[in-house]
PDB file of N, CA and C in Angstrom:
ATOM      1  N   MET A   1     -45.144 -45.766   2.979  1.00  0.00           N
ATOM      2  CA  MET A   1     -43.873 -45.613   2.325  1.00  0.00           C
ATOM      3  C   MET A   1     -42.983 -44.693   3.148  1.00  0.00           C
ATOM      4  N   GLU A   2     -41.775 -45.100   3.327  1.00  0.00           N
ATOM      5  CA  GLU A   2     -40.794 -44.295   4.051  1.00  0.00           C
ATOM      6  C   GLU A   2     -40.003 -43.405   3.093  1.00  0.00           C
ATOM      7  N   LYS A   3     -39.767 -43.917   1.885  1.00  0.00           N
ATOM      8  CA  LYS A   3     -39.004 -43.163   0.895  1.00  0.00           C
ATOM      9  C   LYS A   3     -39.468 -43.593  -0.494  1.00  0.00           C
ATOM     10  N   PHE A   4     -39.623 -42.611  -1.399  1.00  0.00           N
ATOM     11  CA  PHE A   4     -40.098 -42.923  -2.746  1.00  0.00           C
ATOM     12  C   PHE A   4     -39.408 -42.030  -3.769  1.00  0.00           C
ATOM     13  N   ALA A   5     -39.498 -42.440  -5.027  1.00  0.00           N
ATOM     14  CA  ALA A   5     -38.974 -41.655  -6.141  1.00  0.00           C
ATOM     15  C   ALA A   5     -40.029 -41.628  -7.235  1.00  0.00           C
ATOM     16  N   VAL A   6     -40.143 -40.504  -7.923  1.00  0.00           N
ATOM     17  CA  VAL A   6     -41.031 -40.366  -9.073  1.00  0.00           C
ATOM     18  C   VAL A   6     -40.144 -40.272 -10.301  1.00  0.00           C
ATOM     19  N   GLU A   7     -40.411 -41.148 -11.269  1.00  0.00           N
ATOM     20  CA  GLU A   7     -39.634 -41.160 -12.503  1.00  0.00           C
ATOM     21  C   GLU A   7     -40.553 -40.924 -13.685  1.00  0.00           C
ATOM     22  N   ALA A   8     -40.025 -40.269 -14.712  1.00  0.00           N
ATOM     23  CA  ALA A   8     -40.781 -39.987 -15.927  1.00  0.00           C
ATOM     24  C   ALA A   8     -39.996 -40.490 -17.129  1.00  0.00           C
ATOM     25  N   ARG A   9     -40.705 -41.061 -18.088  1.00  0.00           N
ATOM     26  CA  ARG A   9     -40.052 -41.494 -19.325  1.00  0.00           C
ATOM     27  C   ARG A   9     -40.048 -40.307 -20.278  1.00  0.00           C
ATOM     28  N   ILE A  10     -38.884 -39.746 -20.460  1.00  0.00           N
ATOM     29  CA  ILE A  10     -38.698 -38.564 -21.296  1.00  0.00           C
ATOM     30  C   ILE A  10     -37.737 -38.940 -22.416  1.00  0.00           C
ATOM     31  N   GLY A  11     -38.199 -38.842 -23.648  1.00  0.00           N
ATOM     32  CA  GLY A  11     -37.349 -39.203 -24.782  1.00  0.00           C
ATOM     33  C   GLY A  11     -36.922 -40.663 -24.759  1.00  0.00           C
ATOM     34  N   GLY A  12     -37.779 -41.548 -24.219  1.00  0.00           N
ATOM     35  CA  GLY A  12     -37.497 -42.974 -24.191  1.00  0.00           C
ATOM     36  C   GLY A  12     -36.636 -43.437 -23.025  1.00  0.00           C
ATOM     37  N   THR A  13     -36.214 -42.514 -22.150  1.00  0.00           N
ATOM     38  CA  THR A  13     -35.355 -42.848 -21.018  1.00  0.00           C
ATOM     39  C   THR A  13     -36.044 -42.461 -19.713  1.00  0.00           C
ATOM     40  N   TRP A  14     -35.979 -43.354 -18.708  1.00  0.00           N
ATOM     41  CA  TRP A  14     -36.539 -43.044 -17.396  1.00  0.00           C
ATOM     42  C   TRP A  14     -35.606 -42.098 -16.661  1.00  0.00           C
ATOM     43  N   GLN A  15     -36.171 -40.989 -16.160  1.00  0.00           N
ATOM     44  CA  GLN A  15     -35.400 -39.988 -15.421  1.00  0.00           C
ATOM     45  C   GLN A  15     -36.108 -39.686 -14.106  1.00  0.00           C
ATOM     46  N   ARG A  16     -35.352 -39.583 -13.039  1.00  0.00           N
ATOM     47  CA  ARG A  16     -35.924 -39.237 -11.739  1.00  0.00           C
ATOM     48  C   ARG A  16     -36.249 -37.751 -11.740  1.00  0.00           C
ATOM     49  N   ILE A  17     -37.518 -37.432 -11.454  1.00  0.00           N
ATOM     50  CA  ILE A  17     -37.933 -36.021 -11.464  1.00  0.00           C
ATOM     51  C   ILE A  17     -38.297 -35.513 -10.072  1.00  0.00           C
ATOM     52  N   ALA A  18     -38.467 -36.426  -9.099  1.00  0.00           N
ATOM     53  CA  ALA A  18     -38.777 -36.022  -7.723  1.00  0.00           C
ATOM     54  C   ALA A  18     -38.537 -37.201  -6.798  1.00  0.00           C
ATOM     55  N   GLU A  19     -38.326 -36.898  -5.519  1.00  0.00           N
ATOM     56  CA  GLU A  19     -38.250 -37.934  -4.502  1.00  0.00           C
ATOM     57  C   GLU A  19     -38.697 -37.343  -3.186  1.00  0.00           C
ATOM     58  N   GLY A  20     -39.058 -38.213  -2.269  1.00  0.00           N
ATOM     59  CA  GLY A  20     -39.550 -37.719  -0.990  1.00  0.00           C
ATOM     60  C   GLY A  20     -39.515 -38.782   0.079  1.00  0.00           C
ATOM     61  N   ALA A  21     -39.903 -38.376   1.275  1.00  0.00           N
ATOM     62  CA  ALA A  21     -39.844 -39.269   2.424  1.00  0.00           C
ATOM     63  C   ALA A  21     -41.222 -39.676   2.927  1.00  0.00           C
ATOM     64  N   THR A  22     -42.257 -38.987   2.497  1.00  0.00           N
ATOM     65  CA  THR A  22     -43.611 -39.360   2.908  1.00  0.00           C
ATOM     66  C   THR A  22     -44.534 -39.259   1.711  1.00  0.00           C
ATOM     67  N   ILE A  23     -45.653 -39.956   1.813  1.00  0.00           N
ATOM     68  CA  ILE A  23     -46.655 -39.894   0.751  1.00  0.00           C
ATOM     69  C   ILE A  23     -48.011 -40.059   1.422  1.00  0.00           C
ATOM     70  N   GLY A  24     -49.010 -39.396   0.900  1.00  0.00           N
ATOM     71  CA  GLY A  24     -50.318 -39.504   1.522  1.00  0.00           C
ATOM     72  C   GLY A  24     -51.418 -38.966   0.625  1.00  0.00           C
ATOM     73  N   HIS A  25     -52.592 -38.940   1.184  1.00  0.00           N
ATOM     74  CA  HIS A  25     -53.776 -38.485   0.468  1.00  0.00           C
ATOM     75  C   HIS A  25     -53.587 -37.049  -0.023  1.00  0.00           C
ATOM     76  N   ARG A  26     -53.769 -36.856  -1.309  1.00  0.00           N
ATOM     77  CA  ARG A  26     -53.684 -35.533  -1.945  1.00  0.00           C
ATOM     78  C   ARG A  26     -52.312 -34.876  -1.803  1.00  0.00           C
ATOM     79  N   ARG A  27     -51.286 -35.668  -1.764  1.00  0.00           N
ATOM     80  CA  ARG A  27     -49.922 -35.140  -1.677  1.00  0.00           C
ATOM     81  C   ARG A  27     -49.537 -34.526  -3.015  1.00  0.00           C
ATOM     82  N   ILE A  28     -49.073 -33.290  -2.995  1.00  0.00           N
ATOM     83  CA  ILE A  28     -48.625 -32.606  -4.201  1.00  0.00           C
ATOM     84  C   ILE A  28     -47.133 -32.371  -4.063  1.00  0.00           C
ATOM     85  N   ARG A  29     -46.363 -32.905  -4.983  1.00  0.00           N
ATOM     86  CA  ARG A  29     -44.905 -32.778  -4.962  1.00  0.00           C
ATOM     87  C   ARG A  29     -44.503 -31.860  -6.115  1.00  0.00           C
ATOM     88  N   PRO A  30     -44.068 -30.629  -5.839  1.00  0.00           N
ATOM     89  CA  PRO A  30     -43.685 -29.724  -6.935  1.00  0.00           C
ATOM     90  C   PRO A  30     -42.403 -30.207  -7.616  1.00  0.00           C
ATOM     91  N   LEU A  31     -42.337 -30.003  -8.913  1.00  0.00           N
ATOM     92  CA  LEU A  31     -41.151 -30.362  -9.689  1.00  0.00           C
ATOM     93  C   LEU A  31     -40.222 -29.159  -9.800  1.00  0.00           C
ATOM     94  N   ALA A  32     -38.939 -29.431  -9.949  1.00  0.00           N
ATOM     95  CA  ALA A  32     -37.952 -28.356 -10.111  1.00  0.00           C
ATOM     96  C   ALA A  32     -38.158 -27.625 -11.437  1.00  0.00           C
ATOM     97  N   ALA A  33     -38.629 -28.354 -12.452  1.00  0.00           N
ATOM     98  CA  ALA A  33     -38.868 -27.772 -13.784  1.00  0.00           C
ATOM     99  C   ALA A  33     -39.994 -28.558 -14.449  1.00  0.00           C
ATOM    100  N   PRO A  34     -40.712 -27.939 -15.384  1.00  0.00           N
ATOM    101  CA  PRO A  34     -41.756 -28.665 -16.108  1.00  0.00           C
ATOM    102  C   PRO A  34     -41.164 -29.847 -16.878  1.00  0.00           C
ATOM    103  N   ALA A  35     -41.941 -30.916 -17.011  1.00  0.00           N
ATOM    104  CA  ALA A  35     -41.482 -32.097 -17.744  1.00  0.00           C
ATOM    105  C   ALA A  35     -42.609 -32.613 -18.628  1.00  0.00           C
ATOM    106  N   THR A  36     -42.271 -32.977 -19.854  1.00  0.00           N
ATOM    107  CA  THR A  36     -43.215 -33.606 -20.761  1.00  0.00           C
ATOM    108  C   THR A  36     -42.786 -35.061 -20.884  1.00  0.00           C
ATOM    109  N   ALA A  37     -43.669 -35.967 -20.475  1.00  0.00           N
ATOM    110  CA  ALA A  37     -43.312 -37.381 -20.411  1.00  0.00           C
ATOM    111  C   ALA A  37     -44.376 -38.233 -21.091  1.00  0.00           C
ATOM    112  N   THR A  38     -43.957 -39.434 -21.521  1.00  0.00           N
ATOM    113  CA  THR A  38     -44.902 -40.382 -22.101  1.00  0.00           C
ATOM    114  C   THR A  38     -45.430 -41.351 -21.047  1.00  0.00           C
ATOM    115  N   ALA A  39     -44.747 -41.420 -19.887  1.00  0.00           N
ATOM    116  CA  ALA A  39     -45.188 -42.271 -18.784  1.00  0.00           C
ATOM    117  C   ALA A  39     -44.570 -41.771 -17.485  1.00  0.00           C
ATOM    118  N   VAL A  40     -45.226 -42.083 -16.380  1.00  0.00           N
ATOM    119  CA  VAL A  40     -44.728 -41.699 -15.053  1.00  0.00           C
ATOM    120  C   VAL A  40     -44.877 -42.912 -14.139  1.00  0.00           C
ATOM    121  N   ARG A  41     -43.888 -43.119 -13.252  1.00  0.00           N
ATOM    122  CA  ARG A  41     -43.988 -44.208 -12.288  1.00  0.00           C
ATOM    123  C   ARG A  41     -43.475 -43.760 -10.928  1.00  0.00           C
ATOM    124  N   VAL A  42     -44.011 -44.386  -9.884  1.00  0.00           N
ATOM    125  CA  VAL A  42     -43.563 -44.127  -8.514  1.00  0.00           C
ATOM    126  C   VAL A  42     -42.871 -45.396  -8.029  1.00  0.00           C
ATOM    127  N   LYS A  43     -41.639 -45.243  -7.560  1.00  0.00           N
ATOM    128  CA  LYS A  43     -40.875 -46.385  -7.049  1.00  0.00           C
ATOM    129  C   LYS A  43     -40.780 -46.277  -5.535  1.00  0.00           C
ATOM    130  N   VAL A  44     -41.137 -47.341  -4.845  1.00  0.00           N
ATOM    131  CA  VAL A  44     -41.005 -47.398  -3.391  1.00  0.00           C
ATOM    132  C   VAL A  44     -39.563 -47.800  -3.092  1.00  0.00           C
ATOM    133  N   LEU A  45     -38.820 -46.929  -2.420  1.00  0.00           N
ATOM    134  CA  LEU A  45     -37.420 -47.193  -2.105  1.00  0.00           C
ATOM    135  C   LEU A  45     -37.248 -47.775  -0.704  1.00  0.00           C
ATOM    136  N   GLU A  46     -38.103 -47.361   0.232  1.00  0.00           N
ATOM    137  CA  GLU A  46     -38.088 -47.898   1.600  1.00  0.00           C
ATOM    138  C   GLU A  46     -39.517 -47.936   2.120  1.00  0.00           C
ATOM    139  N   SER A  47     -39.823 -48.985   2.884  1.00  0.00           N
ATOM    140  CA  SER A  47     -41.161 -49.131   3.455  1.00  0.00           C
ATOM    141  C   SER A  47     -41.077 -49.971   4.719  1.00  0.00           C
ATOM    142  N   ARG A  48     -41.904 -49.675   5.700  1.00  0.00           N
ATOM    143  CA  ARG A  48     -41.961 -50.472   6.934  1.00  0.00           C
ATOM    144  C   ARG A  48     -42.608 -51.826   6.683  1.00  0.00           C
ATOM    145  N   ALA A  49     -43.552 -51.862   5.767  1.00  0.00           N
ATOM    146  CA  ALA A  49     -44.270 -53.097   5.440  1.00  0.00           C
ATOM    147  C   ALA A  49     -44.384 -53.205   3.924  1.00  0.00           C
ATOM    148  N   THR A  50     -44.931 -54.292   3.451  1.00  0.00           N
ATOM    149  CA  THR A  50     -45.113 -54.472   2.015  1.00  0.00           C
ATOM    150  C   THR A  50     -46.127 -53.457   1.500  1.00  0.00           C
ATOM    151  N   PRO A  51     -45.726 -52.592   0.548  1.00  0.00           N
ATOM    152  CA  PRO A  51     -46.681 -51.608   0.021  1.00  0.00           C
ATOM    153  C   PRO A  51     -47.715 -52.278  -0.885  1.00  0.00           C
ATOM    154  N   HIS A  52     -48.935 -51.765  -0.835  1.00  0.00           N
ATOM    155  CA  HIS A  52     -50.028 -52.266  -1.660  1.00  0.00           C
ATOM    156  C   HIS A  52     -50.688 -51.086  -2.369  1.00  0.00           C
ATOM    157  N   PRO A  53     -50.010 -50.492  -3.358  1.00  0.00           N
ATOM    158  CA  PRO A  53     -50.599 -49.342  -4.047  1.00  0.00           C
ATOM    159  C   PRO A  53     -51.768 -49.780  -4.930  1.00  0.00           C
ATOM    160  N   GLY A  54     -52.789 -48.991  -4.908  1.00  0.00           N
ATOM    161  CA  GLY A  54     -53.942 -49.245  -5.761  1.00  0.00           C
ATOM    162  C   GLY A  54     -53.787 -48.493  -7.066  1.00  0.00           C
ATOM    163  N   PRO A  55     -54.740 -48.660  -7.974  1.00  0.00           N
ATOM    164  CA  PRO A  55     -54.660 -47.939  -9.245  1.00  0.00           C
ATOM    165  C   PRO A  55     -54.774 -46.436  -9.037  1.00  0.00           C
ATOM    166  N   ARG A  56     -54.058 -45.679  -9.783  1.00  0.00           N
ATOM    167  CA  ARG A  56     -54.080 -44.212  -9.706  1.00  0.00           C
ATOM    168  C   ARG A  56     -54.397 -43.658 -11.081  1.00  0.00           C
ATOM    169  N   HIS A  57     -55.123 -42.582 -11.113  1.00  0.00           N
ATOM    170  CA  HIS A  57     -55.508 -41.950 -12.376  1.00  0.00           C
ATOM    171  C   HIS A  57     -55.043 -40.502 -12.346  1.00  0.00           C
ATOM    172  N   CYS A  58     -54.394 -40.095 -13.403  1.00  0.00           N
ATOM    173  CA  CYS A  58     -53.933 -38.701 -13.533  1.00  0.00           C
ATOM    174  C   CYS A  58     -54.743 -38.024 -14.614  1.00  0.00           C
ATOM    175  N   THR A  59     -55.056 -36.779 -14.391  1.00  0.00           N
ATOM    176  CA  THR A  59     -55.794 -36.030 -15.408  1.00  0.00           C
ATOM    177  C   THR A  59     -55.009 -34.807 -15.802  1.00  0.00           C
TER     178      THR A  59
END
């Protein structure tokens, strides 16, 4: 991935909470403020090739 965005569903609305230019193994992206969400998604905004993300588990 060349560019990505992290969005969270807060109060029923998707809001962008982080974005970046690289992603990798054990990447930790700090948030500007704490967020309580019912769902989280990562959107690929730019990529050199077709991305093939596997399942991810959050604890």
